[in-house]
N, C-alpha and C. Protein backbone atom coordinates (compact mmCIF):
# COMPACT_ATOMS: atom_id res chain seq x y z
N MET A 1 98.95 78.06 -67.17
CA MET A 1 98.32 77.22 -66.28
C MET A 1 97.99 75.75 -66.56
N GLU A 2 97.88 75.55 -68.33
CA GLU A 2 97.78 73.87 -68.88
C GLU A 2 98.64 73.34 -68.27
N ASN A 3 99.86 74.36 -68.40
CA ASN A 3 101.06 73.29 -68.34
C ASN A 3 101.80 73.14 -66.82
N ALA A 4 100.59 73.61 -65.60
CA ALA A 4 100.61 73.38 -64.42
C ALA A 4 99.86 72.22 -64.07
N SER A 5 98.57 72.08 -64.97
CA SER A 5 98.07 70.57 -64.37
C SER A 5 98.41 69.89 -65.09
N LYS A 6 98.87 69.72 -66.53
CA LYS A 6 99.40 68.91 -66.66
C LYS A 6 100.25 67.96 -65.70
N ALA A 7 101.46 68.92 -65.19
CA ALA A 7 102.63 68.69 -64.34
C ALA A 7 101.99 68.00 -63.24
N LEU A 8 100.73 68.47 -62.34
CA LEU A 8 99.95 67.71 -61.55
C LEU A 8 99.60 66.14 -61.80
N ILE A 9 98.96 66.28 -62.97
CA ILE A 9 98.75 64.74 -63.36
C ILE A 9 99.89 63.80 -63.33
N ILE A 10 101.04 64.47 -64.04
CA ILE A 10 101.91 63.58 -64.41
C ILE A 10 102.53 63.21 -62.85
N ALA A 11 102.42 63.61 -62.24
CA ALA A 11 103.37 63.50 -60.83
C ALA A 11 101.98 62.89 -59.88
N GLY A 12 100.82 62.86 -60.05
CA GLY A 12 99.94 61.75 -59.48
C GLY A 12 99.99 60.21 -60.46
N ALA A 13 100.40 60.55 -61.22
CA ALA A 13 100.47 58.88 -62.41
C ALA A 13 101.81 58.32 -61.50
N ILE A 14 102.68 58.96 -61.98
CA ILE A 14 103.62 59.03 -60.74
C ILE A 14 104.01 58.25 -59.57
N LEU A 15 102.99 58.57 -58.48
CA LEU A 15 102.90 58.55 -57.19
C LEU A 15 102.09 57.09 -57.42
N LEU A 16 101.08 57.05 -58.22
CA LEU A 16 100.34 55.49 -58.05
C LEU A 16 100.89 54.88 -58.91
N ALA A 17 101.80 55.40 -59.54
CA ALA A 17 102.45 54.00 -60.22
C ALA A 17 103.45 53.76 -59.35
N ILE A 18 104.20 53.69 -58.37
CA ILE A 18 105.11 53.83 -57.09
C ILE A 18 104.58 53.07 -56.03
N LEU A 19 103.29 53.91 -55.79
CA LEU A 19 102.26 52.81 -54.86
C LEU A 19 101.41 51.31 -55.51
N ILE A 20 101.67 50.87 -56.91
CA ILE A 20 101.44 50.02 -57.05
C ILE A 20 102.47 48.49 -56.76
N ILE A 21 103.54 49.56 -57.63
CA ILE A 21 105.15 48.72 -57.79
C ILE A 21 104.79 48.53 -55.64
N SER A 22 104.88 49.51 -55.19
CA SER A 22 105.34 48.62 -53.84
C SER A 22 104.48 47.90 -53.50
N LEU A 23 103.19 47.53 -53.15
CA LEU A 23 101.90 47.13 -53.29
C LEU A 23 102.68 45.63 -54.13
N GLY A 24 103.06 45.66 -54.85
CA GLY A 24 103.40 44.49 -55.58
C GLY A 24 104.49 43.77 -55.10
N ILE A 25 105.25 44.25 -54.38
CA ILE A 25 106.44 43.85 -53.34
C ILE A 25 106.31 43.73 -52.23
N LEU A 26 105.30 44.14 -51.64
CA LEU A 26 105.41 43.56 -50.74
C LEU A 26 104.20 42.42 -50.51
N ILE A 27 103.61 42.01 -51.28
CA ILE A 27 102.50 41.21 -51.63
C ILE A 27 103.58 39.31 -51.59
N TYR A 28 104.51 39.93 -52.83
CA TYR A 28 105.19 39.16 -53.57
C TYR A 28 106.34 38.23 -51.72
N ASN A 29 106.63 39.55 -51.33
CA ASN A 29 107.35 39.07 -50.31
C ASN A 29 106.52 37.92 -48.98
N GLN A 30 105.56 38.52 -48.71
CA GLN A 30 104.54 37.57 -48.14
C GLN A 30 104.14 36.02 -48.76
N ALA A 31 103.71 36.21 -49.85
CA ALA A 31 103.70 34.69 -50.70
C ALA A 31 104.79 34.10 -49.81
N SER A 32 106.09 34.61 -50.81
CA SER A 32 107.43 33.96 -50.98
C SER A 32 107.77 33.12 -49.51
N SER A 33 107.33 33.85 -48.34
CA SER A 33 107.34 33.79 -47.20
C SER A 33 107.19 32.13 -46.56
N VAL A 34 105.95 32.35 -47.12
CA VAL A 34 104.80 31.01 -47.02
C VAL A 34 105.61 29.82 -47.09
N VAL A 35 106.10 29.89 -49.05
CA VAL A 35 106.24 29.30 -49.37
C VAL A 35 107.61 28.14 -48.67
N THR A 36 108.41 29.30 -48.25
CA THR A 36 110.32 28.79 -48.37
C THR A 36 109.79 28.06 -46.83
N SER A 37 108.78 28.36 -46.16
CA SER A 37 108.58 27.42 -44.73
C SER A 37 108.70 26.31 -44.53
N ASN A 38 109.21 25.81 -43.62
CA ASN A 38 109.75 24.08 -43.75
C ASN A 38 109.19 23.72 -42.71
N SER A 39 109.04 24.93 -41.59
CA SER A 39 108.95 24.59 -40.54
C SER A 39 106.75 23.76 -40.30
N MET A 40 106.66 23.35 -39.58
CA MET A 40 104.78 22.87 -39.21
C MET A 40 104.70 23.57 -38.02
N SER A 41 103.33 24.13 -38.22
CA SER A 41 102.32 24.32 -37.42
C SER A 41 102.26 23.54 -35.88
N GLU A 42 102.44 24.19 -34.97
CA GLU A 42 101.76 22.69 -33.75
C GLU A 42 100.18 21.89 -34.24
N VAL A 43 99.78 22.67 -35.22
CA VAL A 43 98.46 22.13 -34.98
C VAL A 43 98.52 20.64 -36.66
N ASP A 44 99.26 21.20 -37.34
CA ASP A 44 100.56 20.56 -38.49
C ASP A 44 100.79 19.12 -37.96
N ILE A 45 102.13 19.46 -36.34
CA ILE A 45 102.17 18.64 -35.85
C ILE A 45 101.46 16.85 -35.29
N THR A 46 100.12 17.91 -34.48
CA THR A 46 99.23 16.78 -33.98
C THR A 46 98.66 16.23 -35.26
N THR A 47 98.23 17.11 -36.41
CA THR A 47 97.71 16.29 -36.93
C THR A 47 98.94 14.81 -37.82
N PHE A 48 99.88 15.10 -37.92
CA PHE A 48 100.95 14.30 -38.39
C PHE A 48 100.99 13.06 -37.10
N ASN A 49 101.48 13.54 -36.25
CA ASN A 49 101.49 12.24 -34.76
C ASN A 49 100.28 11.79 -34.70
N ASN A 50 98.57 12.19 -35.02
CA ASN A 50 97.70 11.89 -34.79
C ASN A 50 97.22 10.08 -35.35
N LYS A 51 98.28 10.13 -36.62
CA LYS A 51 97.73 8.52 -37.89
C LYS A 51 98.52 8.08 -37.12
N PHE A 52 100.28 8.54 -35.99
CA PHE A 52 100.47 6.98 -36.13
C PHE A 52 100.37 6.86 -34.36
N THR A 53 100.05 7.36 -33.32
CA THR A 53 100.31 7.77 -31.80
C THR A 53 98.52 6.42 -31.80
N GLN A 54 97.78 6.39 -32.17
CA GLN A 54 96.02 5.66 -32.36
C GLN A 54 97.01 3.95 -32.29
N TYR A 55 98.32 3.79 -33.34
CA TYR A 55 98.62 2.35 -33.03
C TYR A 55 99.56 2.10 -31.79
N ALA A 56 100.19 3.39 -30.62
CA ALA A 56 100.84 3.17 -30.12
C ALA A 56 100.61 2.36 -29.04
N GLY A 57 101.03 1.24 -28.51
CA GLY A 57 100.80 0.23 -27.09
C GLY A 57 100.88 -1.05 -27.78
N LYS A 58 100.10 -2.14 -27.44
CA LYS A 58 99.87 -3.57 -27.64
C LYS A 58 98.84 -3.60 -28.52
N GLN A 59 99.07 -4.28 -29.48
CA GLN A 59 98.94 -4.19 -30.72
C GLN A 59 98.26 -5.67 -31.43
N ARG A 60 96.98 -6.24 -31.54
CA ARG A 60 97.66 -7.17 -32.68
C ARG A 60 97.78 -7.18 -34.12
N GLY A 61 98.61 -8.41 -34.40
CA GLY A 61 99.34 -8.11 -35.64
C GLY A 61 98.47 -7.29 -37.46
N SER A 62 97.24 -7.86 -36.86
CA SER A 62 96.41 -6.77 -37.85
C SER A 62 96.48 -5.27 -38.26
N THR A 63 95.97 -4.56 -36.99
CA THR A 63 96.54 -3.79 -36.68
C THR A 63 98.01 -3.02 -36.94
N VAL A 64 98.90 -3.47 -36.58
CA VAL A 64 100.85 -3.10 -36.65
C VAL A 64 100.49 -3.41 -38.82
N ARG A 65 100.10 -4.35 -39.52
CA ARG A 65 100.17 -4.50 -40.67
C ARG A 65 99.79 -3.17 -40.99
N ALA A 66 98.31 -2.38 -40.62
CA ALA A 66 97.56 -1.22 -41.09
C ALA A 66 98.42 -0.51 -40.79
N LEU A 67 99.51 -0.30 -39.30
CA LEU A 67 100.14 0.61 -38.65
C LEU A 67 101.29 0.72 -40.51
N ILE A 68 101.80 -0.30 -40.75
CA ILE A 68 103.57 -0.22 -41.33
C ILE A 68 102.79 -0.07 -43.31
N GLN A 69 101.72 -0.25 -43.71
CA GLN A 69 101.11 1.06 -44.54
C GLN A 69 100.57 2.13 -44.53
N GLN A 70 100.44 2.60 -43.33
CA GLN A 70 99.88 3.95 -42.92
C GLN A 70 101.80 4.63 -43.41
N ILE A 71 102.53 4.07 -42.35
CA ILE A 71 103.93 4.60 -42.81
C ILE A 71 104.41 4.79 -43.84
N GLN A 72 104.12 3.88 -44.72
CA GLN A 72 104.44 3.41 -46.26
C GLN A 72 103.70 4.61 -47.24
N SER A 73 102.42 4.62 -46.54
CA SER A 73 102.05 5.39 -47.78
C SER A 73 102.46 7.07 -47.05
N SER A 74 102.30 7.05 -46.17
CA SER A 74 102.89 8.63 -45.19
C SER A 74 104.09 9.31 -45.82
N ASN A 75 105.40 7.89 -46.52
CA ASN A 75 106.56 8.10 -46.41
C ASN A 75 106.43 8.33 -47.80
N ALA A 76 105.61 7.70 -48.76
CA ALA A 76 105.71 7.86 -49.71
C ALA A 76 104.94 9.44 -50.84
N ALA A 77 104.12 9.66 -49.25
CA ALA A 77 103.00 10.87 -49.77
C ALA A 77 104.12 12.11 -49.81
N ASP A 78 105.50 12.58 -49.15
CA ASP A 78 105.85 13.57 -48.32
C ASP A 78 106.99 13.94 -48.95
N GLU A 79 107.45 14.31 -49.89
CA GLU A 79 108.50 14.79 -50.34
C GLU A 79 109.96 15.00 -49.48
N ASN A 80 109.73 15.55 -48.02
CA ASN A 80 110.43 16.54 -47.57
C ASN A 80 111.20 14.91 -46.28
N THR A 81 112.66 14.59 -46.67
CA THR A 81 112.55 13.87 -46.14
C THR A 81 112.42 13.85 -44.62
N SER A 82 112.76 14.59 -43.94
CA SER A 82 112.90 15.36 -42.41
C SER A 82 111.83 14.88 -41.91
N ARG A 83 110.83 14.34 -42.36
CA ARG A 83 109.72 14.02 -42.16
C ARG A 83 109.06 12.53 -42.55
N GLN A 84 110.27 11.74 -42.59
CA GLN A 84 109.57 10.57 -43.26
C GLN A 84 110.21 9.86 -41.98
N VAL A 85 109.10 8.50 -41.51
CA VAL A 85 109.00 7.85 -40.13
C VAL A 85 110.04 7.08 -40.65
N THR A 86 111.05 6.44 -39.74
CA THR A 86 111.46 5.24 -39.89
C THR A 86 111.27 3.81 -39.25
N LEU A 87 110.54 3.24 -39.49
CA LEU A 87 110.14 1.71 -39.44
C LEU A 87 110.92 0.89 -38.48
N SER A 88 111.34 -0.07 -38.20
CA SER A 88 111.53 -0.63 -36.89
C SER A 88 110.77 -2.06 -36.13
N TYR A 89 111.46 -3.18 -36.94
CA TYR A 89 111.02 -4.14 -37.10
C TYR A 89 111.08 -5.09 -35.26
N GLY A 90 112.11 -4.40 -34.74
CA GLY A 90 113.61 -4.76 -33.89
C GLY A 90 113.16 -6.69 -33.55
N ASP A 91 113.02 -6.87 -32.54
CA ASP A 91 112.92 -8.95 -32.35
C ASP A 91 111.41 -9.50 -32.76
N THR A 92 110.84 -9.46 -33.68
CA THR A 92 109.58 -9.83 -34.36
C THR A 92 110.14 -10.85 -35.77
N GLY A 93 111.45 -10.71 -36.48
CA GLY A 93 112.14 -11.54 -37.24
C GLY A 93 111.45 -11.33 -38.50
N ALA A 94 110.49 -9.82 -38.55
CA ALA A 94 110.13 -9.87 -39.81
C ALA A 94 111.00 -8.70 -40.45
N SER A 95 110.55 -8.57 -41.53
CA SER A 95 111.34 -7.43 -42.41
C SER A 95 110.67 -7.09 -43.56
N SER A 96 109.85 -7.50 -43.59
CA SER A 96 108.58 -6.22 -43.72
C SER A 96 106.77 -6.23 -43.43
N VAL A 97 105.74 -6.27 -43.90
CA VAL A 97 104.18 -6.70 -43.84
C VAL A 97 104.15 -7.88 -43.32
N THR A 98 104.57 -8.87 -44.60
CA THR A 98 104.51 -9.81 -45.12
C THR A 98 105.38 -10.49 -43.73
N GLY A 99 106.24 -10.19 -42.56
CA GLY A 99 106.07 -11.12 -41.70
C GLY A 99 105.85 -10.74 -40.51
N ILE A 100 104.68 -10.32 -40.82
CA ILE A 100 103.89 -9.76 -38.91
C ILE A 100 102.71 -10.94 -39.01
N ASP A 101 102.96 -11.56 -38.19
CA ASP A 101 101.74 -12.72 -37.83
C ASP A 101 100.34 -11.94 -37.88
N THR A 102 99.03 -11.93 -38.28
CA THR A 102 98.03 -11.44 -38.27
C THR A 102 97.40 -11.73 -36.77
N GLY A 103 97.50 -12.60 -36.15
CA GLY A 103 97.32 -13.44 -35.17
C GLY A 103 97.78 -13.12 -33.84
N ALA A 104 98.68 -12.98 -33.58
CA ALA A 104 100.08 -12.09 -32.77
C ALA A 104 100.02 -10.98 -32.09
N MET A 105 100.29 -10.54 -31.22
CA MET A 105 100.20 -9.75 -30.20
C MET A 105 101.91 -8.90 -30.52
N TYR A 106 101.82 -7.68 -30.68
CA TYR A 106 103.05 -6.56 -30.93
C TYR A 106 102.83 -5.14 -29.73
N ASP A 107 104.29 -4.77 -29.15
CA ASP A 107 104.44 -3.96 -27.93
C ASP A 107 104.83 -2.76 -29.93
N VAL A 108 103.99 -1.31 -29.75
CA VAL A 108 104.52 -0.26 -30.82
C VAL A 108 104.81 0.70 -30.57
N THR A 109 105.81 1.37 -30.13
CA THR A 109 106.79 2.29 -29.47
C THR A 109 106.79 3.24 -30.43
N VAL A 110 106.44 4.68 -30.29
CA VAL A 110 106.85 5.76 -31.43
C VAL A 110 107.67 6.89 -30.44
N ALA A 111 108.66 7.58 -31.10
CA ALA A 111 109.68 7.91 -30.88
C ALA A 111 109.92 9.74 -31.70
N TYR A 112 109.90 10.41 -30.71
CA TYR A 112 109.95 11.77 -31.85
C TYR A 112 111.13 12.16 -31.65
N SER A 113 110.98 13.42 -32.67
CA SER A 113 112.48 14.44 -32.43
C SER A 113 112.22 14.87 -31.76
N SER A 114 113.84 15.49 -31.52
CA SER A 114 113.72 16.22 -30.65
C SER A 114 114.51 17.30 -30.80
N SER A 115 114.64 18.35 -32.10
CA SER A 115 115.56 19.29 -32.43
C SER A 115 115.75 19.40 -33.84
N GLY A 116 115.44 20.77 -34.37
CA GLY A 116 115.51 20.17 -35.83
C GLY A 116 113.79 21.56 -35.59
N SER A 117 113.52 21.91 -37.38
CA SER A 117 111.99 22.88 -37.23
C SER A 117 110.58 21.48 -37.13
N ASN A 118 111.62 19.82 -36.90
CA ASN A 118 110.13 18.92 -37.15
C ASN A 118 110.44 18.78 -35.02
N ASN A 119 110.80 19.45 -34.30
CA ASN A 119 111.09 19.67 -32.65
C ASN A 119 108.81 18.55 -32.84
N GLY A 120 108.81 17.89 -31.99
CA GLY A 120 107.96 16.99 -31.76
C GLY A 120 107.21 15.93 -32.76
N LEU A 121 107.50 15.52 -33.54
CA LEU A 121 107.34 15.21 -34.88
C LEU A 121 107.75 13.66 -35.31
N ILE A 122 107.22 12.66 -34.70
CA ILE A 122 107.46 11.19 -34.98
C ILE A 122 107.95 10.79 -35.91
N ASN A 123 109.78 10.63 -35.78
CA ASN A 123 110.33 10.24 -36.32
C ASN A 123 110.79 8.41 -36.63
N SER A 124 109.80 7.84 -35.45
CA SER A 124 110.03 6.25 -35.96
C SER A 124 109.23 5.72 -35.06
N VAL A 125 109.50 4.06 -35.66
CA VAL A 125 108.15 3.40 -34.78
C VAL A 125 108.75 2.25 -34.53
N THR A 126 109.11 1.86 -33.72
CA THR A 126 109.14 0.52 -33.18
C THR A 126 108.54 -1.29 -33.42
N ILE A 127 108.94 -1.98 -34.06
CA ILE A 127 107.61 -2.74 -33.38
C ILE A 127 108.50 -4.21 -32.48
N ASN A 128 108.00 -4.98 -31.82
CA ASN A 128 108.32 -5.80 -30.97
C ASN A 128 106.81 -7.08 -30.76
N LYS A 129 107.49 -8.08 -30.13
CA LYS A 129 106.59 -9.03 -29.92
C LYS A 129 106.36 -8.58 -28.87
N ALA A 130 104.92 -8.49 -28.62
CA ALA A 130 104.80 -8.45 -26.81
C ALA A 130 105.19 -9.88 -26.10
N LYS A 131 105.60 -9.10 -24.85
CA LYS A 131 106.12 -10.65 -23.75
C LYS A 131 104.64 -10.60 -23.22
């Protein structure tokens, strides 16, 4: 009788060990899928785009300078190159933020990505002199 009770205890311990290992594997798989996911949720895309869409349209030069600084800081903070926003100065004659006249008016146009995991994400901003 003593051997039978020890056998049941050993069998229970083995089943408990298998359960703990299975639970660990399950948690690991769920965590690794979250870490490897490169796509952004709709809320993340909206939050990202709102940083730049507020500047779209006709803007003063001082506001355009703030937009350029926002783009530069966003690009520096995000290591993912597919989420970088390209900046084009169009017909302004400027090549950097210092070429933007704070008193002049500019047209700001945003363009959205239409493919890949960043579909709907702003990927470029163009600044032109207002006419």
